[in-house]
N, C-alpha and C. Protein backbone atom coordinates (compact mmCIF):
# COMPACT_ATOMS: atom_id res chain seq x y z
N MET A 1 -125.29 -91.88 -2.03
CA MET A 1 -125.09 -93.32 -2.12
C MET A 1 -123.94 -93.75 -1.24
N GLY A 2 -124.05 -94.94 -0.67
CA GLY A 2 -123.01 -95.46 0.19
C GLY A 2 -121.83 -95.97 -0.59
N ILE A 3 -120.78 -96.25 0.14
CA ILE A 3 -119.55 -96.71 -0.50
C ILE A 3 -119.78 -98.03 -1.25
N TYR A 4 -120.60 -98.91 -0.68
CA TYR A 4 -120.82 -100.19 -1.32
C TYR A 4 -121.72 -100.07 -2.54
N MET A 5 -122.63 -99.10 -2.53
CA MET A 5 -123.52 -98.93 -3.66
C MET A 5 -122.76 -98.44 -4.88
N LYS A 6 -121.65 -97.75 -4.65
CA LYS A 6 -120.87 -97.21 -5.75
C LYS A 6 -120.00 -98.27 -6.42
N LEU A 7 -119.78 -99.37 -5.75
CA LEU A 7 -118.96 -100.41 -6.34
C LEU A 7 -119.72 -101.11 -7.46
N ALA A 8 -119.05 -101.41 -8.53
CA ALA A 8 -119.67 -102.17 -9.60
C ALA A 8 -119.90 -103.59 -9.11
N LYS A 9 -120.87 -104.26 -9.71
CA LYS A 9 -121.18 -105.64 -9.30
C LYS A 9 -119.94 -106.53 -9.45
N ARG A 10 -119.14 -106.26 -10.45
CA ARG A 10 -117.91 -107.04 -10.65
C ARG A 10 -116.99 -106.85 -9.45
N ASP A 11 -116.86 -105.63 -9.00
CA ASP A 11 -116.01 -105.34 -7.86
C ASP A 11 -116.58 -105.93 -6.58
N GLU A 12 -117.90 -105.92 -6.46
CA GLU A 12 -118.52 -106.50 -5.27
C GLU A 12 -118.26 -108.01 -5.22
N ARG A 13 -118.33 -108.64 -6.38
CA ARG A 13 -118.05 -110.08 -6.42
C ARG A 13 -116.58 -110.34 -6.09
N ALA A 14 -115.71 -109.48 -6.57
CA ALA A 14 -114.29 -109.62 -6.25
C ALA A 14 -114.06 -109.44 -4.75
N LEU A 15 -114.75 -108.49 -4.15
CA LEU A 15 -114.68 -108.29 -2.70
C LEU A 15 -115.15 -109.53 -1.98
N LEU A 16 -116.23 -110.10 -2.46
CA LEU A 16 -116.76 -111.33 -1.87
C LEU A 16 -115.73 -112.46 -1.98
N ARG A 17 -115.08 -112.56 -3.14
CA ARG A 17 -114.09 -113.62 -3.35
C ARG A 17 -112.91 -113.45 -2.39
N VAL A 18 -112.43 -112.23 -2.24
CA VAL A 18 -111.30 -111.98 -1.34
C VAL A 18 -111.70 -112.28 0.09
N THR A 19 -112.89 -111.86 0.46
CA THR A 19 -113.38 -112.12 1.82
C THR A 19 -113.46 -113.61 2.08
N GLU A 20 -113.96 -114.33 1.10
CA GLU A 20 -114.05 -115.78 1.25
C GLU A 20 -112.67 -116.41 1.37
N GLN A 21 -111.71 -115.91 0.60
CA GLN A 21 -110.34 -116.44 0.71
C GLN A 21 -109.77 -116.17 2.10
N GLU A 22 -110.00 -114.98 2.62
CA GLU A 22 -109.52 -114.65 3.97
C GLU A 22 -110.21 -115.53 5.01
N ASN A 23 -111.50 -115.75 4.84
CA ASN A 23 -112.23 -116.62 5.77
C ASN A 23 -111.70 -118.05 5.72
N ARG A 24 -111.39 -118.52 4.51
CA ARG A 24 -110.85 -119.88 4.38
C ARG A 24 -109.50 -119.99 5.08
N ARG A 25 -108.67 -118.97 4.92
CA ARG A 25 -107.37 -119.00 5.59
C ARG A 25 -107.53 -118.99 7.11
N ALA A 26 -108.46 -118.18 7.58
CA ALA A 26 -108.67 -118.08 9.02
C ALA A 26 -109.26 -119.36 9.61
N LYS A 27 -110.01 -120.07 8.80
CA LYS A 27 -110.66 -121.30 9.28
C LYS A 27 -110.06 -122.53 8.61
N ALA A 28 -108.76 -122.50 8.37
CA ALA A 28 -108.10 -123.58 7.64
C ALA A 28 -108.25 -124.92 8.36
N HIS A 29 -108.34 -124.92 9.67
CA HIS A 29 -108.44 -126.16 10.42
C HIS A 29 -109.85 -126.72 10.40
N HIS A 30 -110.81 -125.97 9.90
CA HIS A 30 -112.17 -126.46 9.78
C HIS A 30 -112.41 -126.93 8.35
N SER A 31 -113.32 -127.82 8.17
CA SER A 31 -113.60 -128.33 6.83
C SER A 31 -114.80 -127.64 6.20
N SER A 32 -115.37 -126.65 6.89
CA SER A 32 -116.56 -125.98 6.35
C SER A 32 -116.17 -125.06 5.21
N LYS A 33 -117.06 -124.94 4.26
CA LYS A 33 -116.86 -124.06 3.13
C LYS A 33 -117.86 -122.92 3.19
N ILE A 34 -117.51 -121.83 2.60
CA ILE A 34 -118.38 -120.66 2.60
C ILE A 34 -119.23 -120.69 1.34
N ASP A 35 -120.54 -120.48 1.52
CA ASP A 35 -121.44 -120.43 0.38
C ASP A 35 -121.42 -119.05 -0.24
N GLY A 36 -121.85 -118.98 -1.48
CA GLY A 36 -121.95 -117.68 -2.14
C GLY A 36 -121.50 -117.76 -3.57
N ASN A 37 -121.93 -116.80 -4.35
CA ASN A 37 -121.52 -116.74 -5.74
C ASN A 37 -120.16 -116.09 -5.81
N VAL A 38 -119.22 -116.79 -6.43
CA VAL A 38 -117.86 -116.28 -6.54
C VAL A 38 -117.52 -116.16 -8.00
N MET A 39 -116.98 -115.02 -8.37
CA MET A 39 -116.57 -114.81 -9.74
C MET A 39 -115.29 -115.60 -10.00
N ASP A 40 -115.20 -116.24 -11.14
CA ASP A 40 -114.02 -117.01 -11.51
C ASP A 40 -112.82 -116.09 -11.56
N SER A 41 -111.71 -116.51 -10.92
CA SER A 41 -110.53 -115.66 -10.84
C SER A 41 -109.85 -115.47 -12.19
N SER A 42 -110.22 -116.28 -13.19
CA SER A 42 -109.61 -116.13 -14.49
C SER A 42 -110.24 -115.00 -15.30
N GLU A 43 -111.37 -114.46 -14.82
CA GLU A 43 -112.00 -113.36 -15.54
C GLU A 43 -111.11 -112.13 -15.47
N GLU A 44 -110.97 -111.47 -16.60
CA GLU A 44 -110.12 -110.29 -16.64
C GLU A 44 -110.94 -109.05 -16.33
N SER A 45 -110.26 -108.08 -15.76
CA SER A 45 -110.92 -106.80 -15.49
C SER A 45 -109.97 -105.69 -15.87
N SER A 46 -110.53 -104.57 -16.22
CA SER A 46 -109.69 -103.44 -16.58
C SER A 46 -109.33 -102.65 -15.33
N GLY A 47 -108.13 -102.13 -15.29
CA GLY A 47 -107.69 -101.36 -14.13
C GLY A 47 -107.48 -102.24 -12.92
N LYS A 48 -107.50 -101.62 -11.77
CA LYS A 48 -107.31 -102.35 -10.52
C LYS A 48 -108.62 -102.98 -10.09
N ALA A 49 -108.54 -104.20 -9.65
CA ALA A 49 -109.70 -104.89 -9.11
C ALA A 49 -109.79 -104.59 -7.62
N ILE A 50 -110.95 -104.85 -7.06
CA ILE A 50 -111.17 -104.53 -5.64
C ILE A 50 -110.22 -105.32 -4.74
N GLU A 51 -109.85 -106.53 -5.14
CA GLU A 51 -108.94 -107.30 -4.29
C GLU A 51 -107.55 -106.70 -4.22
N ASP A 52 -107.22 -105.81 -5.18
CA ASP A 52 -105.96 -105.08 -5.10
C ASP A 52 -106.00 -104.01 -4.02
N LEU A 53 -107.20 -103.65 -3.61
CA LEU A 53 -107.37 -102.54 -2.68
C LEU A 53 -107.71 -102.96 -1.27
N ILE A 54 -108.09 -104.22 -1.07
CA ILE A 54 -108.48 -104.66 0.27
C ILE A 54 -107.62 -105.83 0.71
N SER A 55 -107.61 -106.08 2.00
CA SER A 55 -106.82 -107.17 2.55
C SER A 55 -107.41 -107.58 3.88
N GLN A 56 -106.67 -108.37 4.62
CA GLN A 56 -107.09 -108.76 5.96
C GLN A 56 -107.24 -107.52 6.84
N LYS A 57 -106.44 -106.51 6.58
CA LYS A 57 -106.53 -105.27 7.35
C LYS A 57 -107.90 -104.61 7.18
N SER A 58 -108.47 -104.73 5.97
CA SER A 58 -109.81 -104.17 5.74
C SER A 58 -110.83 -104.85 6.62
N LEU A 59 -110.73 -106.17 6.70
CA LEU A 59 -111.66 -106.92 7.55
C LEU A 59 -111.44 -106.58 9.02
N THR A 60 -110.18 -106.41 9.40
CA THR A 60 -109.87 -106.04 10.78
C THR A 60 -110.48 -104.68 11.12
N LEU A 61 -110.39 -103.74 10.19
CA LEU A 61 -110.99 -102.42 10.41
C LEU A 61 -112.49 -102.54 10.60
N LEU A 62 -113.14 -103.33 9.76
CA LEU A 62 -114.59 -103.50 9.89
C LEU A 62 -114.94 -104.10 11.24
N LYS A 63 -114.14 -105.05 11.69
CA LYS A 63 -114.41 -105.66 13.00
C LYS A 63 -114.18 -104.66 14.13
N LYS A 64 -113.14 -103.83 14.02
CA LYS A 64 -112.87 -102.83 15.05
C LYS A 64 -113.97 -101.78 15.12
N LEU A 65 -114.63 -101.54 14.01
CA LEU A 65 -115.73 -100.59 13.97
C LEU A 65 -117.06 -101.25 14.34
N ASN A 66 -116.98 -102.53 14.76
CA ASN A 66 -118.16 -103.31 15.13
C ASN A 66 -119.18 -103.38 13.99
N ILE A 67 -118.68 -103.55 12.78
CA ILE A 67 -119.55 -103.68 11.62
C ILE A 67 -119.74 -105.16 11.33
N ASP A 68 -120.99 -105.56 11.26
CA ASP A 68 -121.33 -106.95 10.97
C ASP A 68 -121.00 -107.23 9.51
N ILE A 69 -120.07 -108.16 9.28
CA ILE A 69 -119.64 -108.45 7.91
C ILE A 69 -120.31 -109.69 7.33
N SER A 70 -121.40 -110.10 7.94
CA SER A 70 -122.08 -111.31 7.45
C SER A 70 -122.59 -111.14 6.02
N PHE A 71 -122.87 -109.91 5.61
CA PHE A 71 -123.34 -109.68 4.24
C PHE A 71 -122.29 -110.05 3.20
N LEU A 72 -121.02 -110.11 3.61
CA LEU A 72 -119.96 -110.47 2.67
C LEU A 72 -120.01 -111.93 2.27
N ASN A 73 -120.78 -112.72 3.01
CA ASN A 73 -120.89 -114.15 2.71
C ASN A 73 -122.05 -114.46 1.78
N ILE A 74 -122.76 -113.44 1.33
CA ILE A 74 -123.86 -113.66 0.39
C ILE A 74 -123.54 -112.95 -0.92
N SER A 75 -124.31 -113.25 -1.92
CA SER A 75 -124.10 -112.65 -3.23
C SER A 75 -124.30 -111.14 -3.17
N PRO A 76 -123.44 -110.38 -3.83
CA PRO A 76 -123.60 -108.92 -3.84
C PRO A 76 -124.94 -108.46 -4.39
N ASP A 77 -125.57 -109.29 -5.22
CA ASP A 77 -126.89 -108.94 -5.74
C ASP A 77 -127.93 -108.84 -4.64
N LEU A 78 -127.69 -109.49 -3.51
CA LEU A 78 -128.64 -109.51 -2.40
C LEU A 78 -128.30 -108.51 -1.30
N TRP A 79 -127.20 -107.80 -1.44
CA TRP A 79 -126.74 -106.91 -0.38
C TRP A 79 -127.75 -105.80 -0.06
N ASP A 80 -128.41 -105.26 -1.09
CA ASP A 80 -129.31 -104.14 -0.83
C ASP A 80 -130.54 -104.53 -0.02
N ARG A 81 -130.74 -105.83 0.21
CA ARG A 81 -131.85 -106.31 1.03
C ARG A 81 -131.38 -106.88 2.36
N ASP A 82 -130.08 -106.85 2.61
CA ASP A 82 -129.53 -107.45 3.82
C ASP A 82 -129.37 -106.39 4.91
N ASP A 83 -129.85 -106.70 6.11
CA ASP A 83 -129.80 -105.74 7.22
C ASP A 83 -128.37 -105.37 7.61
N SER A 84 -127.46 -106.36 7.63
CA SER A 84 -126.08 -106.06 8.03
C SER A 84 -125.42 -105.13 7.02
N TYR A 85 -125.73 -105.32 5.74
CA TYR A 85 -125.19 -104.43 4.71
C TYR A 85 -125.76 -103.02 4.87
N LEU A 86 -127.05 -102.91 5.07
CA LEU A 86 -127.69 -101.61 5.21
C LEU A 86 -127.16 -100.86 6.43
N ASN A 87 -126.93 -101.59 7.53
CA ASN A 87 -126.37 -100.96 8.73
C ASN A 87 -124.94 -100.48 8.48
N SER A 88 -124.14 -101.30 7.81
CA SER A 88 -122.75 -100.90 7.53
C SER A 88 -122.72 -99.72 6.56
N GLN A 89 -123.66 -99.71 5.62
CA GLN A 89 -123.74 -98.59 4.68
C GLN A 89 -124.05 -97.29 5.42
N GLU A 90 -124.94 -97.35 6.38
CA GLU A 90 -125.29 -96.17 7.17
C GLU A 90 -124.09 -95.67 7.97
N ILE A 91 -123.32 -96.60 8.54
CA ILE A 91 -122.13 -96.22 9.30
C ILE A 91 -121.14 -95.49 8.41
N PHE A 92 -120.89 -96.02 7.22
CA PHE A 92 -119.91 -95.40 6.33
C PHE A 92 -120.41 -94.07 5.77
N GLN A 93 -121.71 -93.94 5.59
CA GLN A 93 -122.24 -92.66 5.11
C GLN A 93 -122.05 -91.56 6.14
N ASN A 94 -121.97 -91.92 7.41
CA ASN A 94 -121.81 -90.92 8.47
C ASN A 94 -120.35 -90.58 8.76
N PHE A 95 -119.41 -91.25 8.10
CA PHE A 95 -118.00 -90.93 8.29
C PHE A 95 -117.70 -89.58 7.66
N ARG A 96 -116.87 -88.83 8.32
CA ARG A 96 -116.41 -87.56 7.78
C ARG A 96 -114.94 -87.73 7.40
N VAL A 97 -114.66 -87.58 6.13
CA VAL A 97 -113.29 -87.73 5.64
C VAL A 97 -112.62 -86.37 5.67
N VAL A 98 -111.45 -86.32 6.29
CA VAL A 98 -110.74 -85.05 6.47
C VAL A 98 -109.31 -85.21 5.99
N ASN A 99 -108.86 -84.25 5.22
CA ASN A 99 -107.45 -84.20 4.84
C ASN A 99 -106.74 -83.38 5.90
N TYR A 100 -106.37 -84.06 6.98
CA TYR A 100 -105.80 -83.39 8.14
C TYR A 100 -104.53 -82.61 7.78
N THR A 101 -103.69 -83.20 6.96
CA THR A 101 -102.43 -82.55 6.62
C THR A 101 -102.68 -81.22 5.91
N ALA A 102 -103.59 -81.22 4.95
CA ALA A 102 -103.87 -79.98 4.21
C ALA A 102 -104.50 -78.94 5.13
N GLU A 103 -105.45 -79.36 5.96
CA GLU A 103 -106.10 -78.41 6.86
C GLU A 103 -105.10 -77.83 7.86
N ARG A 104 -104.20 -78.66 8.33
CA ARG A 104 -103.19 -78.20 9.28
C ARG A 104 -102.25 -77.20 8.61
N GLY A 105 -101.86 -77.49 7.37
CA GLY A 105 -101.00 -76.57 6.64
C GLY A 105 -101.65 -75.22 6.40
N VAL A 106 -102.93 -75.24 6.05
CA VAL A 106 -103.65 -73.99 5.84
C VAL A 106 -103.72 -73.19 7.13
N LYS A 107 -104.03 -73.87 8.23
CA LYS A 107 -104.12 -73.19 9.53
C LYS A 107 -102.77 -72.58 9.93
N LEU A 108 -101.69 -73.36 9.76
CA LEU A 108 -100.36 -72.84 10.09
C LEU A 108 -100.03 -71.61 9.26
N MET A 109 -100.37 -71.67 7.97
CA MET A 109 -100.07 -70.54 7.09
C MET A 109 -100.89 -69.32 7.48
N GLN A 110 -102.15 -69.53 7.83
CA GLN A 110 -102.98 -68.40 8.26
C GLN A 110 -102.42 -67.76 9.52
N ASP A 111 -102.01 -68.59 10.47
CA ASP A 111 -101.44 -68.07 11.72
C ASP A 111 -100.11 -67.36 11.48
N PHE A 112 -99.33 -67.89 10.57
CA PHE A 112 -97.99 -67.38 10.30
C PHE A 112 -98.01 -66.13 9.43
N ASN A 113 -99.06 -65.97 8.66
CA ASN A 113 -99.13 -64.97 7.60
C ASN A 113 -98.67 -63.58 8.02
N GLY A 114 -99.09 -63.10 9.16
CA GLY A 114 -98.73 -61.73 9.52
C GLY A 114 -97.71 -61.62 10.63
N LEU A 115 -97.15 -62.73 11.08
CA LEU A 115 -96.26 -62.68 12.23
C LEU A 115 -94.89 -62.06 11.92
N LEU A 116 -94.22 -62.53 10.88
CA LEU A 116 -92.85 -62.10 10.63
C LEU A 116 -92.76 -60.84 9.79
N THR A 117 -93.60 -60.76 8.79
CA THR A 117 -93.50 -59.61 7.89
C THR A 117 -94.83 -59.37 7.20
N VAL A 118 -95.02 -58.16 6.76
CA VAL A 118 -96.21 -57.84 5.98
C VAL A 118 -95.84 -57.59 4.52
N ASP A 119 -94.55 -57.56 4.24
CA ASP A 119 -94.07 -57.34 2.88
C ASP A 119 -94.27 -58.61 2.05
N VAL A 120 -94.96 -58.49 0.93
CA VAL A 120 -95.29 -59.63 0.09
C VAL A 120 -94.03 -60.32 -0.44
N GLU A 121 -93.04 -59.54 -0.85
CA GLU A 121 -91.81 -60.12 -1.39
C GLU A 121 -91.08 -60.94 -0.33
N GLN A 122 -91.05 -60.46 0.89
CA GLN A 122 -90.40 -61.20 1.97
C GLN A 122 -91.16 -62.49 2.28
N LYS A 123 -92.49 -62.44 2.21
CA LYS A 123 -93.28 -63.65 2.42
C LYS A 123 -92.98 -64.69 1.35
N LYS A 124 -92.89 -64.24 0.10
CA LYS A 124 -92.57 -65.16 -1.00
C LYS A 124 -91.20 -65.79 -0.77
N PHE A 125 -90.24 -64.96 -0.37
CA PHE A 125 -88.89 -65.47 -0.10
C PHE A 125 -88.91 -66.52 1.02
N LEU A 126 -89.63 -66.23 2.10
CA LEU A 126 -89.74 -67.19 3.21
C LEU A 126 -90.37 -68.50 2.76
N LEU A 127 -91.42 -68.41 1.95
CA LEU A 127 -92.07 -69.62 1.46
C LEU A 127 -91.13 -70.44 0.58
N GLN A 128 -90.32 -69.76 -0.23
CA GLN A 128 -89.33 -70.47 -1.04
C GLN A 128 -88.30 -71.15 -0.15
N CYS A 129 -87.90 -70.49 0.92
CA CYS A 129 -86.96 -71.10 1.87
C CYS A 129 -87.56 -72.36 2.49
N PHE A 130 -88.84 -72.28 2.88
CA PHE A 130 -89.51 -73.44 3.46
C PHE A 130 -89.57 -74.59 2.45
N GLU A 131 -89.90 -74.24 1.21
CA GLU A 131 -89.99 -75.27 0.17
C GLU A 131 -88.64 -75.94 -0.06
N ASP A 132 -87.58 -75.14 -0.13
CA ASP A 132 -86.23 -75.69 -0.30
C ASP A 132 -85.86 -76.58 0.88
N HIS A 133 -86.22 -76.15 2.07
CA HIS A 133 -85.92 -76.93 3.27
C HIS A 133 -86.63 -78.28 3.24
N ARG A 134 -87.88 -78.28 2.82
CA ARG A 134 -88.64 -79.54 2.75
C ARG A 134 -88.06 -80.48 1.71
N GLU A 135 -87.57 -79.93 0.60
CA GLU A 135 -86.94 -80.77 -0.42
C GLU A 135 -85.63 -81.36 0.09
N GLN A 136 -84.88 -80.56 0.82
CA GLN A 136 -83.59 -81.00 1.35
C GLN A 136 -83.76 -82.01 2.47
N TYR A 137 -84.71 -81.75 3.36
CA TYR A 137 -84.94 -82.61 4.52
C TYR A 137 -86.33 -83.23 4.38
N THR A 138 -86.38 -84.39 3.73
CA THR A 138 -87.66 -85.01 3.40
C THR A 138 -88.32 -85.69 4.59
N ASP A 139 -87.56 -85.99 5.63
CA ASP A 139 -88.13 -86.61 6.82
C ASP A 139 -87.40 -86.10 8.06
N CYS A 140 -87.76 -86.61 9.20
CA CYS A 140 -87.17 -86.13 10.46
C CYS A 140 -86.20 -87.12 11.07
N LYS A 141 -85.62 -87.98 10.26
CA LYS A 141 -84.65 -88.94 10.77
C LYS A 141 -83.34 -88.22 11.09
N LYS A 142 -82.63 -88.72 12.08
CA LYS A 142 -81.38 -88.07 12.49
C LYS A 142 -80.39 -87.97 11.34
N ALA A 143 -80.27 -89.05 10.58
CA ALA A 143 -79.30 -89.05 9.48
C ALA A 143 -79.64 -87.97 8.46
N THR A 144 -80.91 -87.78 8.19
CA THR A 144 -81.33 -86.75 7.24
C THR A 144 -81.07 -85.36 7.80
N LEU A 145 -81.38 -85.16 9.06
CA LEU A 145 -81.22 -83.84 9.66
C LEU A 145 -79.76 -83.46 9.86
N ARG A 146 -78.87 -84.43 9.93
CA ARG A 146 -77.44 -84.14 10.11
C ARG A 146 -76.77 -83.67 8.83
N ARG A 147 -77.41 -83.90 7.68
CA ARG A 147 -76.83 -83.45 6.42
C ARG A 147 -76.77 -81.93 6.40
N LYS A 148 -75.76 -81.42 5.77
CA LYS A 148 -75.62 -79.97 5.66
C LYS A 148 -76.56 -79.46 4.57
N PHE A 149 -77.16 -78.33 4.83
CA PHE A 149 -78.05 -77.69 3.87
C PHE A 149 -77.20 -77.03 2.79
N ASP A 150 -77.50 -77.33 1.52
CA ASP A 150 -76.72 -76.76 0.40
C ASP A 150 -77.13 -75.35 0.10
């Protein structure tokens, strides 16, 4: 299932509402209004609503990916029959999500594993040193790096 199919109808309506608000802001000098079913903002929802997770940056990303967002102007109930929605769903289904940081760390550890020592105790000690270093120096700013290691 695509990312949009997994959203609850309530969340889809919230997405539509946020999109409409962004469109209204962008077209403030025009008097045209956007059609569509909008959920009343006074309705309560449990947990985080979709509008807490998206913003103008989300729309910018969709535009940079050349995804037609015209389906956002119609009711979410009609999305599964809309060509622009189906095309965007296909694009997102083909995305490969990668945890680059974790994969890089695993690769570094594999490469490093046999370079300095083969003794298990020494490897454990080195890993503890690395962990302590990361806790002490949380970033690469000059001010942080100038601090003395305790």
